[in-house]
C-alpha atoms as a PDB file:
ATOM      1  CA  MET A   1     -11.535 -11.641  -1.695  1.00  0.00           C
ATOM      2  CA  LEU A   2     -12.597  -8.316  -3.157  1.00  0.00           C
ATOM      3  CA  ARG A   3     -16.171  -8.931  -2.029  1.00  0.00           C
ATOM      4  CA  ILE A   4     -14.947  -9.644   1.509  1.00  0.00           C
ATOM      5  CA  LEU A   5     -12.860  -6.447   1.546  1.00  0.00           C
ATOM      6  CA  ILE A   6     -15.623  -4.276   0.068  1.00  0.00           C
ATOM      7  CA  ASP A   7     -18.111  -5.535   2.658  1.00  0.00           C
ATOM      8  CA  ALA A   8     -15.599  -4.976   5.465  1.00  0.00           C
ATOM      9  CA  ALA A   9     -14.824  -1.431   4.293  1.00  0.00           C
ATOM     10  CA  GLU A  10     -18.520  -0.561   4.043  1.00  0.00           C
ATOM     11  CA  ALA A  11     -19.153  -1.936   7.533  1.00  0.00           C
ATOM     12  CA  LEU A  12     -16.498   0.226   9.186  1.00  0.00           C
ATOM     13  CA  ASP A  13     -18.036   3.281  10.835  1.00  0.00           C
ATOM     14  CA  ASP A  14     -15.690   6.256  10.835  1.00  0.00           C
ATOM     15  CA  SER A  15     -17.404   7.695  13.925  1.00  0.00           C
ATOM     16  CA  THR A  16     -16.849   4.610  16.079  1.00  0.00           C
ATOM     17  CA  VAL A  17     -13.536   3.145  14.893  1.00  0.00           C
ATOM     18  CA  GLY A  18     -10.764   4.014  17.332  1.00  0.00           C
ATOM     19  CA  LEU A  19      -8.275   5.866  15.143  1.00  0.00           C
ATOM     20  CA  PRO A  20      -5.892   8.383  16.725  1.00  0.00           C
ATOM     21  CA  GLU A  21      -6.599  12.012  15.885  1.00  0.00           C
ATOM     22  CA  LEU A  22      -3.765  13.457  13.825  1.00  0.00           C
ATOM     23  CA  THR A  23      -3.589  17.228  13.693  1.00  0.00           C
ATOM     24  CA  GLY A  24      -2.356  19.065  10.639  1.00  0.00           C
ATOM     25  CA  GLU A  25       0.689  20.176  12.611  1.00  0.00           C
ATOM     26  CA  VAL A  26       1.646  16.622  13.551  1.00  0.00           C
ATOM     27  CA  ILE A  27       1.219  15.425   9.975  1.00  0.00           C
ATOM     28  CA  ALA A  28       3.237  18.354   8.611  1.00  0.00           C
ATOM     29  CA  GLN A  29       6.081  17.608  11.036  1.00  0.00           C
ATOM     30  CA  LYS A  30       6.112  13.960  10.002  1.00  0.00           C
ATOM     31  CA  TRP A  31       5.974  14.754   6.301  1.00  0.00           C
ATOM     32  CA  ALA A  32       8.872  17.200   6.636  1.00  0.00           C
ATOM     33  CA  ARG A  33      10.969  14.266   7.900  1.00  0.00           C
ATOM     34  CA  GLY A  34       9.698  11.901   5.195  1.00  0.00           C
ATOM     35  CA  VAL A  35       7.628   9.961   7.734  1.00  0.00           C
ATOM     36  CA  PRO A  36       4.151   8.690   6.680  1.00  0.00           C
ATOM     37  CA  ALA A  37       1.218  10.102   8.661  1.00  0.00           C
ATOM     38  CA  ILE A  38       0.221   6.928  10.523  1.00  0.00           C
ATOM     39  CA  ARG A  39       3.770   5.792  11.261  1.00  0.00           C
ATOM     40  CA  GLY A  40       4.097   5.067  14.982  1.00  0.00           C
ATOM     41  CA  GLU A  41       0.371   5.545  15.641  1.00  0.00           C
ATOM     42  CA  MET A  42      -1.639   2.780  17.309  1.00  0.00           C
ATOM     43  CA  ALA A  43      -5.174   2.030  16.133  1.00  0.00           C
ATOM     44  CA  ALA A  44      -7.678  -0.224  17.886  1.00  0.00           C
ATOM     45  CA  ILE A  45      -8.465  -3.161  15.592  1.00  0.00           C
ATOM     46  CA  PRO A  46     -12.276  -3.437  15.196  1.00  0.00           C
ATOM     47  CA  ALA A  47     -13.720  -6.813  16.163  1.00  0.00           C
ATOM     48  CA  ALA A  48     -15.257  -7.196  12.693  1.00  0.00           C
ATOM     49  CA  LEU A  49     -11.823  -7.111  11.057  1.00  0.00           C
ATOM     50  CA  ARG A  50     -10.405  -9.817  13.319  1.00  0.00           C
ATOM     51  CA  THR A  51     -12.514 -12.401  11.491  1.00  0.00           C
ATOM     52  CA  LEU A  52     -11.159 -11.440   8.061  1.00  0.00           C
ATOM     53  CA  PRO A  53      -7.848 -13.375   8.155  1.00  0.00           C
ATOM     54  CA  ALA A  54      -9.635 -16.710   8.552  1.00  0.00           C
ATOM     55  CA  MET A  55     -12.173 -15.808   5.858  1.00  0.00           C
ATOM     56  CA  LEU A  56      -9.386 -14.868   3.466  1.00  0.00           C
ATOM     57  CA  CYS A  57      -7.576 -18.113   4.253  1.00  0.00           C
ATOM     58  CA  ASP A  58     -10.683 -20.019   3.147  1.00  0.00           C
ATOM     59  CA  VAL A  59     -10.675 -18.227  -0.204  1.00  0.00           C
ATOM     60  CA  LEU A  60      -6.932 -18.692  -0.652  1.00  0.00           C
ATOM     61  CA  GLU A  61      -7.179 -22.379   0.229  1.00  0.00           C
ATOM     62  CA  GLU A  62      -9.867 -22.909  -2.419  1.00  0.00           C
ATOM     63  CA  SER A  63      -7.960 -20.824  -4.973  1.00  0.00           C
ATOM     64  CA  GLY A  64      -4.711 -22.736  -4.967  1.00  0.00           C
ATOM     65  CA  ALA A  65      -2.862 -21.950  -1.732  1.00  0.00           C
ATOM     66  CA  GLY A  66      -4.070 -25.280  -0.347  1.00  0.00           C
ATOM     67  CA  GLU A  67      -2.515 -26.614   2.850  1.00  0.00           C
ATOM     68  CA  SER A  68      -0.397 -23.484   3.418  1.00  0.00           C
ATOM     69  CA  ALA A  69      -3.553 -21.387   3.779  1.00  0.00           C
ATOM     70  CA  ALA A  70      -5.282 -24.075   5.836  1.00  0.00           C
ATOM     71  CA  HIS A  71      -2.256 -24.174   8.169  1.00  0.00           C
ATOM     72  CA  ILE A  72      -2.537 -20.427   8.807  1.00  0.00           C
ATOM     73  CA  LYS A  73      -6.282 -20.703   9.413  1.00  0.00           C
ATOM     74  CA  ARG A  74      -5.795 -23.453  11.984  1.00  0.00           C
ATOM     75  CA  ALA A  75      -3.215 -21.292  13.753  1.00  0.00           C
ATOM     76  CA  LEU A  76      -5.678 -18.391  13.798  1.00  0.00           C
ATOM     77  CA  SER A  77      -8.419 -20.624  15.210  1.00  0.00           C
ATOM     78  CA  SER A  78      -6.167 -22.053  17.930  1.00  0.00           C
ATOM     79  CA  GLY A  79      -4.784 -18.680  18.931  1.00  0.00           C
ATOM     80  CA  GLU A  80      -1.248 -19.533  17.827  1.00  0.00           C
ATOM     81  CA  ILE A  81      -1.611 -16.508  15.567  1.00  0.00           C
ATOM     82  CA  ASP A  82      -3.458 -13.604  17.150  1.00  0.00           C
ATOM     83  CA  ALA A  83      -5.495 -11.941  14.404  1.00  0.00           C
ATOM     84  CA  GLY A  84      -5.414  -8.544  16.101  1.00  0.00           C
ATOM     85  CA  SER A  85      -1.638  -8.610  16.428  1.00  0.00           C
ATOM     86  CA  LEU A  86      -1.236  -9.696  12.803  1.00  0.00           C
ATOM     87  CA  LEU A  87      -3.386  -6.794  11.629  1.00  0.00           C
ATOM     88  CA  THR A  88      -1.571  -4.314  13.879  1.00  0.00           C
ATOM     89  CA  VAL A  89       1.866  -5.312  12.600  1.00  0.00           C
ATOM     90  CA  SER A  90       0.617  -5.254   9.013  1.00  0.00           C
ATOM     91  CA  LEU A  91      -0.869  -1.799   9.528  1.00  0.00           C
ATOM     92  CA  ALA A  92       2.594  -0.686  10.667  1.00  0.00           C
ATOM     93  CA  ARG A  93       3.993  -2.107   7.372  1.00  0.00           C
ATOM     94  CA  ASN A  94       6.464  -4.207   9.354  1.00  0.00           C
ATOM     95  CA  GLN A  95       7.003  -6.920   6.792  1.00  0.00           C
ATOM     96  CA  LYS A  96      10.297  -7.936   8.397  1.00  0.00           C
ATOM     97  CA  ALA A  97       8.618  -8.812  11.714  1.00  0.00           C
ATOM     98  CA  ILE A  98       5.873 -10.827  10.032  1.00  0.00           C
ATOM     99  CA  ARG A  99       8.304 -12.754   7.848  1.00  0.00           C
ATOM    100  CA  THR A 100      10.609 -13.516  10.790  1.00  0.00           C
ATOM    101  CA  SER A 101       7.715 -14.765  12.929  1.00  0.00           C
ATOM    102  CA  ALA A 102       6.239 -16.790  10.058  1.00  0.00           C
ATOM    103  CA  LEU A 103       9.508 -18.580   9.378  1.00  0.00           C
ATOM    104  CA  HIS A 104       9.996 -19.280  13.089  1.00  0.00           C
ATOM    105  CA  HIS A 105       6.572 -20.928  13.343  1.00  0.00           C
ATOM    106  CA  GLY A 106       6.700 -22.735  10.006  1.00  0.00           C
ATOM    107  CA  PHE A 107       4.186 -20.641   8.050  1.00  0.00           C
ATOM    108  CA  ALA A 108       4.588 -19.493   4.441  1.00  0.00           C
ATOM    109  CA  PRO A 109       5.884 -15.927   5.007  1.00  0.00           C
ATOM    110  CA  ASP A 110       4.567 -14.398   1.777  1.00  0.00           C
ATOM    111  CA  LEU A 111       1.144 -15.932   2.326  1.00  0.00           C
ATOM    112  CA  ILE A 112       0.757 -14.760   5.910  1.00  0.00           C
ATOM    113  CA  TRP A 113       1.917 -11.289   4.860  1.00  0.00           C
ATOM    114  CA  LEU A 114      -0.745 -11.291   2.128  1.00  0.00           C
ATOM    115  CA  VAL A 115      -3.453 -12.348   4.596  1.00  0.00           C
ATOM    116  CA  GLY A 116      -2.453  -9.647   7.085  1.00  0.00           C
ATOM    117  CA  GLU A 117      -2.168  -6.968   4.421  1.00  0.00           C
ATOM    118  CA  LEU A 118      -5.551  -7.720   2.879  1.00  0.00           C
ATOM    119  CA  ALA A 119      -7.350  -8.029   6.206  1.00  0.00           C
ATOM    120  CA  SER A 120      -5.958  -4.753   7.563  1.00  0.00           C
ATOM    121  CA  SER A 121      -6.392  -2.763   4.338  1.00  0.00           C
ATOM    122  CA  PRO A 122     -10.003  -1.628   5.024  1.00  0.00           C
ATOM    123  CA  LEU A 123      -8.822   0.045   8.233  1.00  0.00           C
ATOM    124  CA  ALA A 124      -5.808   1.551   6.447  1.00  0.00           C
ATOM    125  CA  HIS A 125      -8.147   2.923   3.776  1.00  0.00           C
ATOM    126  CA  LEU A 126     -10.476   4.434   6.380  1.00  0.00           C
ATOM    127  CA  TRP A 127      -7.499   6.097   8.067  1.00  0.00           C
ATOM    128  CA  SER A 128      -6.257   7.383   4.719  1.00  0.00           C
ATOM    129  CA  ALA A 129      -9.660   8.860   3.893  1.00  0.00           C
ATOM    130  CA  ARG A 130      -9.766  10.576   7.289  1.00  0.00           C
ATOM    131  CA  VAL A 131      -6.383  12.247   6.683  1.00  0.00           C
ATOM    132  CA  LEU A 132      -6.584  13.058   2.972  1.00  0.00           C
ATOM    133  CA  GLY A 133     -10.291  13.102   2.222  1.00  0.00           C
ATOM    134  CA  SER A 134     -12.433  10.447   0.598  1.00  0.00           C
ATOM    135  CA  ASP A 135     -12.189  11.736  -2.987  1.00  0.00           C
ATOM    136  CA  PRO A 136      -8.733  11.324  -4.570  1.00  0.00           C
ATOM    137  CA  ARG A 137      -9.480  14.136  -7.017  1.00  0.00           C
ATOM    138  CA  THR A 138      -9.546  16.673  -4.167  1.00  0.00           C
ATOM    139  CA  VAL A 139      -6.032  15.873  -2.957  1.00  0.00           C
ATOM    140  CA  PRO A 140      -3.752  18.816  -3.783  1.00  0.00           C
ATOM    141  CA  GLY A 141      -0.504  18.137  -5.570  1.00  0.00           C
ATOM    142  CA  SER A 142       2.681  18.401  -3.538  1.00  0.00           C
ATOM    143  CA  ASP A 143       5.221  21.120  -4.234  1.00  0.00           C
ATOM    144  CA  PRO A 144       8.889  21.656  -3.378  1.00  0.00           C
ATOM    145  CA  ASN A 145       8.025  24.161  -0.654  1.00  0.00           C
ATOM    146  CA  GLY A 146       5.839  21.934   1.486  1.00  0.00           C
ATOM    147  CA  GLY A 147       3.602  18.907   1.658  1.00  0.00           C
ATOM    148  CA  TRP A 148       4.633  15.470   0.512  1.00  0.00           C
ATOM    149  CA  THR A 149       7.192  15.067  -2.269  1.00  0.00           C
ATOM    150  CA  ARG A 150       8.171  11.403  -1.880  1.00  0.00           C
ATOM    151  CA  GLY A 151       7.260   8.467  -4.076  1.00  0.00           C
ATOM    152  CA  TYR A 152       6.046   6.264  -1.225  1.00  0.00           C
ATOM    153  CA  CYS A 153       2.607   6.734   0.322  1.00  0.00           C
ATOM    154  CA  PRO A 154       2.190   9.786   2.610  1.00  0.00           C
ATOM    155  CA  ILE A 155      -0.213   7.809   4.796  1.00  0.00           C
ATOM    156  CA  CYS A 156       1.246   4.320   5.256  1.00  0.00           C
ATOM    157  CA  GLY A 157       4.587   4.256   3.435  1.00  0.00           C
ATOM    158  CA  SER A 158       3.742   1.665   0.768  1.00  0.00           C
ATOM    159  CA  TRP A 159       4.769   2.080  -2.857  1.00  0.00           C
ATOM    160  CA  PRO A 160       2.120   2.975  -5.437  1.00  0.00           C
ATOM    161  CA  ALA A 161       0.540   0.176  -7.422  1.00  0.00           C
ATOM    162  CA  LEU A 162       0.369   2.495 -10.426  1.00  0.00           C
ATOM    163  CA  ILE A 163      -0.177   6.077 -11.553  1.00  0.00           C
ATOM    164  CA  GLU A 164      -3.629   7.193 -12.729  1.00  0.00           C
ATOM    165  CA  MET A 165      -3.569   9.925 -15.385  1.00  0.00           C
ATOM    166  CA  LEU A 166      -6.711  11.984 -14.895  1.00  0.00           C
ATOM    167  CA  SER A 167      -7.508  15.402 -16.396  1.00  0.00           C
ATOM    168  CA  GLY A 168      -3.871  16.411 -16.553  1.00  0.00           C
ATOM    169  CA  ALA A 169      -3.088  15.147 -13.053  1.00  0.00           C
ATOM    170  CA  ARG A 170      -0.870  12.161 -12.268  1.00  0.00           C
ATOM    171  CA  LEU A 171      -2.251  10.449  -9.174  1.00  0.00           C
ATOM    172  CA  LEU A 172       0.002   7.897  -7.517  1.00  0.00           C
ATOM    173  CA  ARG A 173      -2.301   5.292  -5.976  1.00  0.00           C
ATOM    174  CA  CYS A 174      -1.167   3.405  -2.898  1.00  0.00           C
ATOM    175  CA  SER A 175      -1.203  -0.353  -3.278  1.00  0.00           C
ATOM    176  CA  TYR A 176      -2.379  -0.769   0.330  1.00  0.00           C
ATOM    177  CA  CYS A 177      -4.562   2.069   1.633  1.00  0.00           C
ATOM    178  CA  ALA A 178      -5.570   3.477  -1.797  1.00  0.00           C
ATOM    179  CA  ALA A 179      -4.348   6.992  -0.943  1.00  0.00           C
ATOM    180  CA  ALA A 180      -3.730   9.314  -3.898  1.00  0.00           C
ATOM    181  CA  TRP A 181      -0.995  11.918  -4.157  1.00  0.00           C
ATOM    182  CA  GLU A 182       1.018  13.754  -6.785  1.00  0.00           C
ATOM    183  CA  LEU A 183       4.703  14.450  -7.257  1.00  0.00           C
ATOM    184  CA  PRO A 184       5.843  18.012  -8.017  1.00  0.00           C
ATOM    185  CA  GLU A 185       7.621  16.920 -11.203  1.00  0.00           C
ATOM    186  CA  ARG A 186       7.938  13.992 -13.550  1.00  0.00           C
ATOM    187  CA  ARG A 187      10.683  11.829 -12.123  1.00  0.00           C
ATOM    188  CA  CYS A 188      11.333   8.339 -10.868  1.00  0.00           C
ATOM    189  CA  VAL A 189       8.947   7.434  -8.082  1.00  0.00           C
ATOM    190  CA  TYR A 190      11.627   5.438  -6.284  1.00  0.00           C
ATOM    191  CA  CYS A 191      14.931   7.334  -6.542  1.00  0.00           C
ATOM    192  CA  ALA A 192      13.772  10.779  -7.784  1.00  0.00           C
ATOM    193  CA  ASN A 193      16.024  10.578 -10.842  1.00  0.00           C
ATOM    194  CA  HIS A 194      14.877  12.775 -13.738  1.00  0.00           C
ATOM    195  CA  ASP A 195      17.808  12.756 -16.152  1.00  0.00           C
ATOM    196  CA  GLU A 196      17.927  11.089 -19.570  1.00  0.00           C
ATOM    197  CA  ARG A 197      17.931   7.654 -17.932  1.00  0.00           C
ATOM    198  CA  PHE A 198      14.337   8.228 -16.792  1.00  0.00           C
ATOM    199  CA  ILE A 199      12.148   7.245 -19.725  1.00  0.00           C
ATOM    200  CA  ILE A 200       8.376   7.383 -20.221  1.00  0.00           C
ATOM    201  CA  ALA A 201       7.312   5.117 -23.075  1.00  0.00           C
ATOM    202  CA  ALA A 202       4.312   3.326 -24.553  1.00  0.00           C
ATOM    203  CA  THR A 203       4.767  -0.377 -25.185  1.00  0.00           C
ATOM    204  CA  ASP A 204       2.174  -0.101 -27.962  1.00  0.00           C
ATOM    205  CA  VAL A 205       2.115   3.037 -30.134  1.00  0.00           C
ATOM    206  CA  ALA A 206      -1.640   2.600 -30.465  1.00  0.00           C
ATOM    207  CA  ARG A 207      -2.113   2.645 -26.672  1.00  0.00           C
ATOM    208  CA  THR A 208      -0.600   5.889 -25.396  1.00  0.00           C
ATOM    209  CA  ASP A 209      -3.110   5.719 -22.554  1.00  0.00           C
ATOM    210  CA  ARG A 210      -0.949   2.998 -20.997  1.00  0.00           C
ATOM    211  CA  LEU A 211       2.642   3.961 -20.290  1.00  0.00           C
ATOM    212  CA  LEU A 212       5.723   2.664 -18.537  1.00  0.00           C
ATOM    213  CA  GLU A 213       8.000   4.911 -16.500  1.00  0.00           C
ATOM    214  CA  LEU A 214      11.431   3.247 -16.558  1.00  0.00           C
ATOM    215  CA  CYS A 215      14.417   4.378 -14.521  1.00  0.00           C
ATOM    216  CA  GLY A 216      17.910   3.403 -15.610  1.00  0.00           C
ATOM    217  CA  GLU A 217      19.350   4.744 -12.359  1.00  0.00           C
ATOM    218  CA  CYS A 218      17.628   2.365  -9.912  1.00  0.00           C
ATOM    219  CA  GLY A 219      16.268  -0.231 -12.342  1.00  0.00           C
ATOM    220  CA  TYR A 220      12.649   0.087 -11.208  1.00  0.00           C
ATOM    221  CA  TYR A 221       9.468   0.843 -13.141  1.00  0.00           C
ATOM    222  CA  THR A 222       5.988   2.268 -12.621  1.00  0.00           C
ATOM    223  CA  LYS A 223       2.859   1.881 -14.708  1.00  0.00           C
ATOM    224  CA  ALA A 224       0.812   4.931 -15.717  1.00  0.00           C
ATOM    225  CA  ILE A 225      -2.691   4.541 -17.136  1.00  0.00           C
ATOM    226  CA  ALA A 226      -5.310   7.030 -18.276  1.00  0.00           C
ATOM    227  CA  VAL A 227      -8.593   6.773 -16.357  1.00  0.00           C
ATOM    228  CA  ALA A 228     -11.961   8.516 -16.430  1.00  0.00           C
ATOM    229  CA  GLU A 229     -12.365   8.198 -12.657  1.00  0.00           C
ATOM    230  CA  PRO A 230     -10.021   7.194  -9.829  1.00  0.00           C
ATOM    231  CA  ALA A 231     -10.422   3.552  -8.902  1.00  0.00           C
ATOM    232  CA  PRO A 232     -12.181   3.111  -5.545  1.00  0.00           C
ATOM    233  CA  PHE A 233     -10.785   0.934  -2.772  1.00  0.00           C
ATOM    234  CA  PRO A 234     -10.042  -1.965  -3.227  1.00  0.00           C
ATOM    235  CA  LEU A 235     -10.402  -2.058  -7.006  1.00  0.00           C
ATOM    236  CA  ILE A 236      -6.922  -0.667  -7.639  1.00  0.00           C
ATOM    237  CA  ALA A 237      -5.897  -4.333  -7.583  1.00  0.00           C
ATOM    238  CA  ILE A 238      -8.096  -4.890 -10.643  1.00  0.00           C
ATOM    239  CA  GLU A 239      -6.392  -2.045 -12.516  1.00  0.00           C
ATOM    240  CA  ASP A 240      -3.052  -3.512 -11.539  1.00  0.00           C
ATOM    241  CA  LEU A 241      -3.980  -6.965 -12.870  1.00  0.00           C
ATOM    242  CA  ALA A 242      -5.608  -5.548 -16.012  1.00  0.00           C
ATOM    243  CA  THR A 243      -2.297  -3.942 -17.001  1.00  0.00           C
ATOM    244  CA  MET A 244      -0.162  -7.036 -16.465  1.00  0.00           C
ATOM    245  CA  ASN A 245       1.090  -6.743 -20.054  1.00  0.00           C
ATOM    246  CA  LEU A 246       2.946  -3.593 -18.972  1.00  0.00           C
ATOM    247  CA  ASP A 247       4.620  -5.501 -16.133  1.00  0.00           C
ATOM    248  CA  GLU A 248       5.677  -8.200 -18.568  1.00  0.00           C
ATOM    249  CA  ALA A 249       7.121  -5.607 -20.952  1.00  0.00           C
ATOM    250  CA  ALA A 250       9.078  -3.906 -18.149  1.00  0.00           C
ATOM    251  CA  MET A 251      10.413  -7.175 -16.750  1.00  0.00           C
ATOM    252  CA  ALA A 252      11.438  -8.306 -20.237  1.00  0.00           C
ATOM    253  CA  ARG A 253      13.689  -5.230 -20.264  1.00  0.00           C
ATOM    254  CA  LYS A 254      15.126  -6.255 -16.850  1.00  0.00           C
ATOM    255  CA  TYR A 255      13.229  -3.627 -14.836  1.00  0.00           C
ATOM    256  CA  GLN A 256      11.483  -4.617 -11.611  1.00  0.00           C
ATOM    257  CA  ARG A 257       9.400  -3.359  -8.708  1.00  0.00           C
ATOM    258  CA  PRO A 258      11.113  -2.700  -5.375  1.00  0.00           C
ATOM    259  CA  SER A 259      10.347  -4.405  -2.101  1.00  0.00           C
ATOM    260  CA  LEU A 260       8.462  -2.551   0.626  1.00  0.00           C
ATOM    261  CA  ILE A 261      10.399   0.430   1.927  1.00  0.00           C
ATOM    262  CA  ASP A 262      12.115  -0.013   5.323  1.00  0.00           C
ATOM    263  CA  LEU A 263      10.433   2.655   7.436  1.00  0.00           C
ATOM    264  CA  ASP A 264      12.785   1.893  10.339  1.00  0.00           C
ATOM    265  CA  ALA A 265      15.615   3.338   8.240  1.00  0.00           C
ATOM    266  CA  ILE A 266      13.672   6.598   7.844  1.00  0.00           C
ATOM    267  CA  ASP A 267      12.157   6.777  11.315  1.00  0.00           C
ATOM    268  CA  PRO A 268      14.034   4.462  13.728  1.00  0.00           C
ATOM    269  CA  PRO A 269      11.881   3.051  16.557  1.00  0.00           C
ATOM    270  CA  ALA A 270      12.568   4.375  20.031  1.00  0.00           C
ATOM    271  CA  SER A 271      15.134   2.340  21.984  1.00  0.00           C
ATOM    272  CA  PRO A 272      13.787   0.342  24.949  1.00  0.00           C
ATOM    273  CA  GLY A 273      13.859   2.379  28.130  1.00  0.00           C
ATOM    274  CA  CYS A 274      13.757   5.745  26.406  1.00  0.00           C
ATOM    275  CA  SER A 275      11.041   8.141  27.470  1.00  0.00           C
END
């Protein structure tokens, strides 16, 4: 799957992909309201990406998803599932819509969400790079007086997969578009708590390069790992898997990761008929 995504990302041409132009003023207005940059924006889905869902289904079918993945692929081939629509809804991070539709049509909801998320991620990454720059190390840290100060991604609204500790910086890395951003202070990524219930600890005293950030207020955790270089898209998934022992340690202490944030609660969609 990583090979498929890397090839797809390399094939996307930033000069020809139809992404809306977002001015600094528009982004600043959205960020002031806590709204991710691409929220509500419509991107044309490149033809090359429309073939990815079926390709990913093949890999998933061979890797253990079996008939569930084959069922989704047949629906893609017959047109019962429109690949472009799946990618568009995934790009909007509308997990609720995908799950509802999947259950209605008899598809495995988590699997079809995974297929849509993976297949749309190269476009999300391209969009992220256009807004923030291609090198995560050049992204300025947020501050209380402006910029982005939330724990969810400033581009797409996803939660970070982990935090990369690099040369004194703490880069939150988006699990979807691979954006990198910093918080103005050490606090819980999810609820902003920074009292004594927010704990940063090493599960192994000999490995202080791998830490857990545990919040007793909301019950969620984040992993923080020291790196020599930021992980490129889509290899953040490898870092995430390589630190699974940290997840196990956090879950053993009854901490968990939250579900995808409901962007409709932050930025409600316009009511039908409104101009």
